PDB file of N, CA and C in Angstrom:
ATOM      1  N   MET A   1     -72.880 -25.862-100.776  1.00  0.00           N
ATOM      2  CA  MET A   1     -72.110 -24.959-101.457  1.00  0.00           C
ATOM      3  C   MET A   1     -72.230 -23.725-100.802  1.00  0.00           C
ATOM      4  N   CYS A   2     -71.256 -23.150-100.960  1.00  0.00           N
ATOM      5  CA  CYS A   2     -71.169 -21.933-100.564  1.00  0.00           C
ATOM      6  C   CYS A   2     -71.418 -20.523-101.162  1.00  0.00           C
ATOM      7  N   VAL A   3     -71.913 -19.797-100.927  1.00  0.00           N
ATOM      8  CA  VAL A   3     -72.453 -18.705-101.487  1.00  0.00           C
ATOM      9  C   VAL A   3     -71.874 -17.536-101.051  1.00  0.00           C
ATOM     10  N   GLN A   4     -71.018 -16.397-101.577  1.00  0.00           N
ATOM     11  CA  GLN A   4     -70.903 -15.211-101.189  1.00  0.00           C
ATOM     12  C   GLN A   4     -70.567 -15.456 -99.281  1.00  0.00           C
ATOM     13  N   GLY A   5     -69.716 -16.570 -98.918  1.00  0.00           N
ATOM     14  CA  GLY A   5     -69.344 -16.865 -97.792  1.00  0.00           C
ATOM     15  C   GLY A   5     -70.527 -17.336 -96.617  1.00  0.00           C
ATOM     16  N   ARG A   6     -71.226 -17.579 -97.671  1.00  0.00           N
ATOM     17  CA  ARG A   6     -72.602 -18.588 -96.465  1.00  0.00           C
ATOM     18  C   ARG A   6     -73.129 -19.919 -97.582  1.00  0.00           C
ATOM     19  N   CYS A   7     -72.988 -20.916 -96.576  1.00  0.00           N
ATOM     20  CA  CYS A   7     -72.804 -22.349 -96.825  1.00  0.00           C
ATOM     21  C   CYS A   7     -74.899 -22.435 -97.118  1.00  0.00           C
ATOM     22  N   MET A   8     -75.267 -22.995 -98.213  1.00  0.00           N
ATOM     23  CA  MET A   8     -76.022 -23.642 -98.341  1.00  0.00           C
ATOM     24  C   MET A   8     -75.977 -24.989 -99.022  1.00  0.00           C
ATOM     25  N   PRO A   9     -77.585 -25.604 -98.641  1.00  0.00           N
ATOM     26  CA  PRO A   9     -77.621 -27.245 -98.805  1.00  0.00           C
ATOM     27  C   PRO A   9     -78.064 -26.863-100.433  1.00  0.00           C
ATOM     28  N   VAL A  10     -77.693 -27.827-101.071  1.00  0.00           N
ATOM     29  CA  VAL A  10     -78.276 -28.119-102.728  1.00  0.00           C
ATOM     30  C   VAL A  10     -78.682 -29.517-102.178  1.00  0.00           C
ATOM     31  N   GLY A  11     -79.984 -29.909-102.716  1.00  0.00           N
ATOM     32  CA  GLY A  11     -80.505 -31.088-103.008  1.00  0.00           C
ATOM     33  C   GLY A  11     -80.252 -31.485-104.353  1.00  0.00           C
ATOM     34  N   CYS A  12     -81.011 -32.908-104.190  1.00  0.00           N
ATOM     35  CA  CYS A  12     -80.452 -33.678-105.457  1.00  0.00           C
ATOM     36  C   CYS A  12     -81.401 -33.476-106.763  1.00  0.00           C
ATOM     37  N   ASP A  13     -81.945 -32.448-106.548  1.00  0.00           N
ATOM     38  CA  ASP A  13     -82.645 -31.879-107.618  1.00  0.00           C
ATOM     39  C   ASP A  13     -81.647 -31.009-108.114  1.00  0.00           C
ATOM     40  N   LEU A  14     -80.600 -30.137-107.699  1.00  0.00           N
ATOM     41  CA  LEU A  14     -79.968 -29.197-107.841  1.00  0.00           C
ATOM     42  C   LEU A  14     -79.729 -27.659-107.620  1.00  0.00           C
ATOM     43  N   LYS A  15     -81.237 -27.930-106.762  1.00  0.00           N
ATOM     44  CA  LYS A  15     -81.671 -26.215-106.178  1.00  0.00           C
ATOM     45  C   LYS A  15     -80.859 -25.839-104.844  1.00  0.00           C
ATOM     46  N   LEU A  16     -80.627 -24.667-105.184  1.00  0.00           N
ATOM     47  CA  LEU A  16     -79.358 -24.242-104.283  1.00  0.00           C
ATOM     48  C   LEU A  16     -80.576 -23.936-103.002  1.00  0.00           C
ATOM     49  N   GLY A  17     -80.334 -24.238-101.668  1.00  0.00           N
ATOM     50  CA  GLY A  17     -81.153 -24.014-100.597  1.00  0.00           C
ATOM     51  C   GLY A  17     -82.486 -25.100-100.405  1.00  0.00           C
ATOM     52  N   ALA A  18     -82.164 -26.179-101.450  1.00  0.00           N
ATOM     53  CA  ALA A  18     -83.388 -27.068-101.412  1.00  0.00           C
ATOM     54  C   ALA A  18     -82.572 -28.622-100.586  1.00  0.00           C
ATOM     55  N   SER A  19     -83.308 -29.337 -99.588  1.00  0.00           N
ATOM     56  CA  SER A  19     -82.929 -30.509 -98.801  1.00  0.00           C
ATOM     57  C   SER A  19     -83.492 -31.392 -99.605  1.00  0.00           C
ATOM     58  N   THR A  20     -83.835 -31.522-100.392  1.00  0.00           N
ATOM     59  CA  THR A  20     -84.591 -32.744-101.289  1.00  0.00           C
ATOM     60  C   THR A  20     -83.544 -33.432-101.416  1.00  0.00           C
ATOM     61  N   GLU A  21     -84.161 -34.891-101.129  1.00  0.00           N
ATOM     62  CA  GLU A  21     -82.868 -36.116-100.967  1.00  0.00           C
ATOM     63  C   GLU A  21     -83.685 -37.711-101.837  1.00  0.00           C
ATOM     64  N   VAL A  22     -82.718 -38.043-102.365  1.00  0.00           N
ATOM     65  CA  VAL A  22     -82.991 -39.236-103.223  1.00  0.00           C
ATOM     66  C   VAL A  22     -83.592 -40.162-102.136  1.00  0.00           C
ATOM     67  N   ASP A  23     -84.800 -41.416-102.618  1.00  0.00           N
ATOM     68  CA  ASP A  23     -85.305 -42.410-101.702  1.00  0.00           C
ATOM     69  C   ASP A  23     -84.776 -43.227-101.700  1.00  0.00           C
ATOM     70  N   GLU A  24     -85.426 -44.223-101.188  1.00  0.00           N
ATOM     71  CA  GLU A  24     -84.638 -45.863-101.527  1.00  0.00           C
ATOM     72  C   GLU A  24     -84.666 -46.746-102.480  1.00  0.00           C
ATOM     73  N   CYS A  25     -85.798 -45.964-103.788  1.00  0.00           N
ATOM     74  CA  CYS A  25     -85.895 -46.197-105.200  1.00  0.00           C
ATOM     75  C   CYS A  25     -85.095 -45.544-105.778  1.00  0.00           C
ATOM     76  N   GLY A  26     -84.176 -44.548-105.527  1.00  0.00           N
ATOM     77  CA  GLY A  26     -83.495 -43.826-106.028  1.00  0.00           C
ATOM     78  C   GLY A  26     -84.001 -43.084-107.007  1.00  0.00           C
ATOM     79  N   VAL A  27     -85.208 -42.593-106.126  1.00  0.00           N
ATOM     80  CA  VAL A  27     -85.473 -41.284-106.801  1.00  0.00           C
ATOM     81  C   VAL A  27     -85.778 -39.846-106.169  1.00  0.00           C
ATOM     82  N   CYS A  28     -85.293 -38.837-106.982  1.00  0.00           N
ATOM     83  CA  CYS A  28     -84.971 -37.401-106.368  1.00  0.00           C
ATOM     84  C   CYS A  28     -86.615 -36.917-105.880  1.00  0.00           C
ATOM     85  N   GLY A  29     -86.407 -36.548-104.405  1.00  0.00           N
ATOM     86  CA  GLY A  29     -87.828 -35.654-103.798  1.00  0.00           C
ATOM     87  C   GLY A  29     -89.018 -37.139-103.658  1.00  0.00           C
ATOM     88  N   GLY A  30     -88.422 -38.894-104.156  1.00  0.00           N
ATOM     89  CA  GLY A  30     -89.622 -39.639-103.922  1.00  0.00           C
ATOM     90  C   GLY A  30     -89.658 -40.224-102.450  1.00  0.00           C
ATOM     91  N   ASN A  31     -91.006 -40.748-102.203  1.00  0.00           N
ATOM     92  CA  ASN A  31     -91.216 -41.254-101.324  1.00  0.00           C
ATOM     93  C   ASN A  31     -91.228 -42.872-101.037  1.00  0.00           C
ATOM     94  N   GLY A  32     -90.398 -43.112-101.654  1.00  0.00           N
ATOM     95  CA  GLY A  32     -90.266 -44.728-101.743  1.00  0.00           C
ATOM     96  C   GLY A  32     -91.493 -45.913-102.170  1.00  0.00           C
ATOM     97  N   THR A  33     -92.533 -45.215-102.960  1.00  0.00           N
ATOM     98  CA  THR A  33     -93.332 -46.053-103.369  1.00  0.00           C
ATOM     99  C   THR A  33     -93.281 -46.174-104.956  1.00  0.00           C
ATOM    100  N   LEU A  34     -92.194 -45.999-105.274  1.00  0.00           N
ATOM    101  CA  LEU A  34     -92.487 -46.027-106.891  1.00  0.00           C
ATOM    102  C   LEU A  34     -91.426 -47.419-107.265  1.00  0.00           C
ATOM    103  N   CYS A  35     -90.864 -48.029-106.455  1.00  0.00           N
ATOM    104  CA  CYS A  35     -89.866 -49.074-106.424  1.00  0.00           C
ATOM    105  C   CYS A  35     -90.536 -49.961-106.635  1.00  0.00           C
ATOM    106  N   LYS A  36     -90.290 -50.741-107.842  1.00  0.00           N
ATOM    107  CA  LYS A  36     -90.703 -52.215-108.286  1.00  0.00           C
ATOM    108  C   LYS A  36     -90.015 -53.112-107.742  1.00  0.00           C
ATOM    109  N   ARG A  37     -90.894 -53.686-106.289  1.00  0.00           N
ATOM    110  CA  ARG A  37     -90.017 -54.731-105.918  1.00  0.00           C
ATOM    111  C   ARG A  37     -90.762 -56.276-106.047  1.00  0.00           C
ATOM    112  N   PRO A  38     -89.547 -57.192-105.918  1.00  0.00           N
ATOM    113  CA  PRO A  38     -90.118 -58.242-106.688  1.00  0.00           C
ATOM    114  C   PRO A  38     -91.160 -58.940-105.883  1.00  0.00           C
ATOM    115  N   ALA A  39     -92.203 -59.727-106.494  1.00  0.00           N
ATOM    116  CA  ALA A  39     -93.203 -60.484-105.942  1.00  0.00           C
ATOM    117  C   ALA A  39     -93.140 -61.971-106.355  1.00  0.00           C
ATOM    118  N   PHE A  40     -93.347 -63.008-104.857  1.00  0.00           N
ATOM    119  CA  PHE A  40     -93.230 -64.214-105.183  1.00  0.00           C
ATOM    120  C   PHE A  40     -94.533 -64.896-104.516  1.00  0.00           C
ATOM    121  N   ILE A  41     -94.938 -65.933-105.439  1.00  0.00           N
ATOM    122  CA  ILE A  41     -96.320 -66.602-105.340  1.00  0.00           C
ATOM    123  C   ILE A  41     -96.191 -67.859-105.273  1.00  0.00           C
ATOM    124  N   TRP A  42     -96.857 -68.562-104.826  1.00  0.00           N
ATOM    125  CA  TRP A  42     -96.686 -69.923-104.612  1.00  0.00           C
ATOM    126  C   TRP A  42     -97.312 -70.426-106.213  1.00  0.00           C
ATOM    127  N   ALA A  43     -97.269 -71.490-106.823  1.00  0.00           N
ATOM    128  CA  ALA A  43     -97.346 -72.208-107.908  1.00  0.00           C
ATOM    129  C   ALA A  43     -97.432 -73.668-107.355  1.00  0.00           C
ATOM    130  N   GLU A  44     -98.721 -74.188-108.511  1.00  0.00           N
ATOM    131  CA  GLU A  44     -98.711 -75.827-108.328  1.00  0.00           C
ATOM    132  C   GLU A  44     -97.515 -76.304-109.553  1.00  0.00           C
ATOM    133  N   THR A  45     -96.713 -77.486-108.954  1.00  0.00           N
ATOM    134  CA  THR A  45     -95.965 -77.992-110.531  1.00  0.00           C
ATOM    135  C   THR A  45     -97.126 -78.802-111.313  1.00  0.00           C
ATOM    136  N   PRO A  46     -96.824 -79.176-112.305  1.00  0.00           N
ATOM    137  CA  PRO A  46     -97.688 -80.268-113.081  1.00  0.00           C
ATOM    138  C   PRO A  46     -97.764 -81.401-112.410  1.00  0.00           C
ATOM    139  N   PHE A  47     -99.038 -82.264-112.378  1.00  0.00           N
ATOM    140  CA  PHE A  47     -98.945 -83.298-111.907  1.00  0.00           C
ATOM    141  C   PHE A  47     -98.187 -84.396-112.649  1.00  0.00           C
ATOM    142  N   SER A  48     -97.662 -85.083-111.843  1.00  0.00           N
ATOM    143  CA  SER A  48     -96.967 -86.072-112.161  1.00  0.00           C
ATOM    144  C   SER A  48     -97.444 -87.430-112.885  1.00  0.00           C
ATOM    145  N   THR A  49     -96.858 -88.341-113.538  1.00  0.00           N
ATOM    146  CA  THR A  49     -97.421 -89.437-114.163  1.00  0.00           C
ATOM    147  C   THR A  49     -97.938 -90.407-113.459  1.00  0.00           C
ATOM    148  N   CYS A  50     -98.897 -90.939-113.826  1.00  0.00           N
ATOM    149  CA  CYS A  50     -99.219 -91.993-113.110  1.00  0.00           C
ATOM    150  C   CYS A  50     -98.787 -93.003-112.359  1.00  0.00           C
ATOM    151  N   SER A  51     -98.705 -93.359-110.815  1.00  0.00           N
ATOM    152  CA  SER A  51     -97.910 -94.491-110.580  1.00  0.00           C
ATOM    153  C   SER A  51     -98.166 -95.979-111.235  1.00  0.00           C
ATOM    154  N   VAL A  52     -98.975 -95.977-111.633  1.00  0.00           N
ATOM    155  CA  VAL A  52     -99.636 -97.345-112.181  1.00  0.00           C
ATOM    156  C   VAL A  52    -100.116 -96.944-113.476  1.00  0.00           C
ATOM    157  N   THR A  53     -99.986 -97.963-114.411  1.00  0.00           N
ATOM    158  CA  THR A  53    -100.956 -97.944-115.407  1.00  0.00           C
ATOM    159  C   THR A  53    -102.228 -98.252-115.912  1.00  0.00           C
ATOM    160  N   CYS A  54    -102.666 -99.248-114.624  1.00  0.00           N
ATOM    161  CA  CYS A  54    -104.579 -99.492-114.491  1.00  0.00           C
ATOM    162  C   CYS A  54    -104.942 -99.516-113.410  1.00  0.00           C
ATOM    163  N   GLY A  55    -105.335 -98.383-112.999  1.00  0.00           N
ATOM    164  CA  GLY A  55    -106.357 -98.306-111.692  1.00  0.00           C
ATOM    165  C   GLY A  55    -105.646 -98.358-110.672  1.00  0.00           C
ATOM    166  N   GLY A  56    -105.982 -97.839-109.669  1.00  0.00           N
ATOM    167  CA  GLY A  56    -106.091 -97.468-108.334  1.00  0.00           C
ATOM    168  C   GLY A  56    -104.322 -96.484-108.397  1.00  0.00           C
ATOM    169  N   GLY A  57    -103.998 -95.445-109.283  1.00  0.00           N
ATOM    170  CA  GLY A  57    -102.477 -95.370-109.165  1.00  0.00           C
ATOM    171  C   GLY A  57    -102.915 -93.938-108.720  1.00  0.00           C
ATOM    172  N   THR A  58    -101.834 -93.078-108.495  1.00  0.00           N
ATOM    173  CA  THR A  58    -101.766 -91.983-107.676  1.00  0.00           C
ATOM    174  C   THR A  58    -100.997 -90.958-108.572  1.00  0.00           C
ATOM    175  N   GLN A  59    -101.370 -89.549-108.703  1.00  0.00           N
ATOM    176  CA  GLN A  59    -100.682 -88.532-109.441  1.00  0.00           C
ATOM    177  C   GLN A  59    -100.331 -87.702-108.488  1.00  0.00           C
ATOM    178  N   GLU A  60     -99.409 -86.689-108.004  1.00  0.00           N
ATOM    179  CA  GLU A  60     -98.934 -85.722-107.242  1.00  0.00           C
ATOM    180  C   GLU A  60     -98.500 -84.583-107.841  1.00  0.00           C
ATOM    181  N   SER A  61     -98.922 -83.391-107.227  1.00  0.00           N
ATOM    182  CA  SER A  61     -98.646 -82.021-107.445  1.00  0.00           C
ATOM    183  C   SER A  61     -98.069 -81.512-106.172  1.00  0.00           C
ATOM    184  N   HIS A  62     -97.157 -80.518-106.571  1.00  0.00           N
ATOM    185  CA  HIS A  62     -96.702 -79.977-104.854  1.00  0.00           C
ATOM    186  C   HIS A  62     -96.268 -78.106-105.348  1.00  0.00           C
ATOM    187  N   PRO A  63     -96.548 -77.574-103.962  1.00  0.00           N
ATOM    188  CA  PRO A  63     -96.309 -76.361-104.384  1.00  0.00           C
ATOM    189  C   PRO A  63     -95.159 -75.598-104.573  1.00  0.00           C
ATOM    190  N   VAL A  64     -94.595 -74.993-105.694  1.00  0.00           N
ATOM    191  CA  VAL A  64     -93.123 -73.983-105.285  1.00  0.00           C
ATOM    192  C   VAL A  64     -93.317 -72.582-105.763  1.00  0.00           C
ATOM    193  N   CYS A  65     -92.261 -72.095-104.975  1.00  0.00           N
ATOM    194  CA  CYS A  65     -92.572 -70.403-104.970  1.00  0.00           C
ATOM    195  C   CYS A  65     -91.752 -69.935-106.629  1.00  0.00           C
ATOM    196  N   THR A  66     -92.536 -69.294-106.909  1.00  0.00           N
ATOM    197  CA  THR A  66     -92.206 -68.674-107.762  1.00  0.00           C
ATOM    198  C   THR A  66     -92.602 -67.278-108.017  1.00  0.00           C
ATOM    199  N   SER A  67     -91.185 -66.547-109.197  1.00  0.00           N
ATOM    200  CA  SER A  67     -91.273 -65.235-109.187  1.00  0.00           C
ATOM    201  C   SER A  67     -92.614 -64.861-110.302  1.00  0.00           C
ATOM    202  N   SER A  68     -93.328 -63.752-109.661  1.00  0.00           N
ATOM    203  CA  SER A  68     -94.268 -63.510-110.265  1.00  0.00           C
ATOM    204  C   SER A  68     -93.611 -62.727-111.721  1.00  0.00           C
ATOM    205  N   GLU A  69     -92.593 -62.137-112.105  1.00  0.00           N
ATOM    206  CA  GLU A  69     -92.129 -61.491-113.394  1.00  0.00           C
ATOM    207  C   GLU A  69     -91.882 -62.839-114.131  1.00  0.00           C
ATOM    208  N   THR A  70     -90.952 -63.434-113.786  1.00  0.00           N
ATOM    209  CA  THR A  70     -90.804 -64.582-114.745  1.00  0.00           C
ATOM    210  C   THR A  70     -91.375 -66.191-114.729  1.00  0.00           C
ATOM    211  N   GLY A  71     -92.009 -66.195-113.301  1.00  0.00           N
ATOM    212  CA  GLY A  71     -92.547 -67.474-113.475  1.00  0.00           C
ATOM    213  C   GLY A  71     -91.681 -68.532-113.137  1.00  0.00           C
ATOM    214  N   GLU A  72     -90.560 -68.431-113.049  1.00  0.00           N
ATOM    215  CA  GLU A  72     -89.264 -69.135-112.513  1.00  0.00           C
ATOM    216  C   GLU A  72     -89.159 -69.457-111.059  1.00  0.00           C
ATOM    217  N   GLU A  73     -89.233 -70.883-110.826  1.00  0.00           N
ATOM    218  CA  GLU A  73     -88.992 -71.265-109.885  1.00  0.00           C
ATOM    219  C   GLU A  73     -87.641 -70.716-108.618  1.00  0.00           C
ATOM    220  N   VAL A  74     -88.035 -70.151-107.426  1.00  0.00           N
ATOM    221  CA  VAL A  74     -87.210 -69.639-106.752  1.00  0.00           C
ATOM    222  C   VAL A  74     -87.256 -70.469-105.189  1.00  0.00           C
ATOM    223  N   ASP A  75     -86.161 -69.625-104.259  1.00  0.00           N
ATOM    224  CA  ASP A  75     -86.041 -70.263-102.978  1.00  0.00           C
ATOM    225  C   ASP A  75     -87.351 -70.079-102.080  1.00  0.00           C
ATOM    226  N   GLY A  76     -88.098 -71.318-101.795  1.00  0.00           N
ATOM    227  CA  GLY A  76     -89.101 -71.246-101.051  1.00  0.00           C
ATOM    228  C   GLY A  76     -89.378 -70.357 -99.633  1.00  0.00           C
ATOM    229  N   ARG A  77     -88.157 -69.923 -99.525  1.00  0.00           N
ATOM    230  CA  ARG A  77     -88.047 -68.833 -98.342  1.00  0.00           C
ATOM    231  C   ARG A  77     -88.827 -67.682 -98.725  1.00  0.00           C
ATOM    232  N   LEU A  78     -88.866 -67.181-100.338  1.00  0.00           N
ATOM    233  CA  LEU A  78     -88.910 -65.686-100.517  1.00  0.00           C
ATOM    234  C   LEU A  78     -90.643 -65.489-100.651  1.00  0.00           C
ATOM    235  N   CYS A  79     -91.589 -67.260-100.593  1.00  0.00           N
ATOM    236  CA  CYS A  79     -92.789 -67.044-100.562  1.00  0.00           C
ATOM    237  C   CYS A  79     -93.027 -66.988 -98.786  1.00  0.00           C
ATOM    238  N   SER A  80     -94.549 -66.522 -98.828  1.00  0.00           N
ATOM    239  CA  SER A  80     -95.349 -66.393 -97.558  1.00  0.00           C
ATOM    240  C   SER A  80     -95.345 -67.758 -97.111  1.00  0.00           C
ATOM    241  N   VAL A  81     -95.089 -68.458 -95.905  1.00  0.00           N
ATOM    242  CA  VAL A  81     -95.750 -69.598 -95.402  1.00  0.00           C
ATOM    243  C   VAL A  81     -97.280 -69.775 -95.461  1.00  0.00           C
ATOM    244  N   GLU A  82     -97.875 -68.760 -94.738  1.00  0.00           N
ATOM    245  CA  GLU A  82     -98.825 -68.375 -94.634  1.00  0.00           C
ATOM    246  C   GLU A  82    -100.142 -68.611 -95.431  1.00  0.00           C
ATOM    247  N   SER A  83     -99.193 -68.146 -96.851  1.00  0.00           N
ATOM    248  CA  SER A  83    -100.504 -68.591 -98.096  1.00  0.00           C
ATOM    249  C   SER A  83    -100.333 -69.853 -99.166  1.00  0.00           C
ATOM    250  N   LYS A  84     -99.175 -70.738 -98.439  1.00  0.00           N
ATOM    251  CA  LYS A  84     -98.728 -71.947 -99.260  1.00  0.00           C
ATOM    252  C   LYS A  84     -99.581 -72.618 -98.971  1.00  0.00           C
ATOM    253  N   PRO A  85    -100.430 -73.373-100.197  1.00  0.00           N
ATOM    254  CA  PRO A  85    -101.267 -74.436-100.764  1.00  0.00           C
ATOM    255  C   PRO A  85    -100.785 -75.791 -99.799  1.00  0.00           C
ATOM    256  N   ASP A  86    -101.813 -76.497 -99.638  1.00  0.00           N
ATOM    257  CA  ASP A  86    -101.447 -77.692 -98.928  1.00  0.00           C
ATOM    258  C   ASP A  86    -101.066 -78.295 -99.780  1.00  0.00           C
TER     259      ASP A  86
END
């Protein structure tokens, strides 16, 4: 903005002469730590029904990647491979 022939910066806080900027979270003057980043965690599926009705059968469960906010299953590539249960 120019005032009396002199150009001056205006920050996102609308203060003349300020250089305040919006961070990656959309916060004016923020430092990028207020973003709510989605978190993804491994969870086990419920056990399957038994493979046989009388002795010696097996039940299976396997890890799935889920959203920590919704609990819904998401693409496994969003979860850390290192923390995936066996």
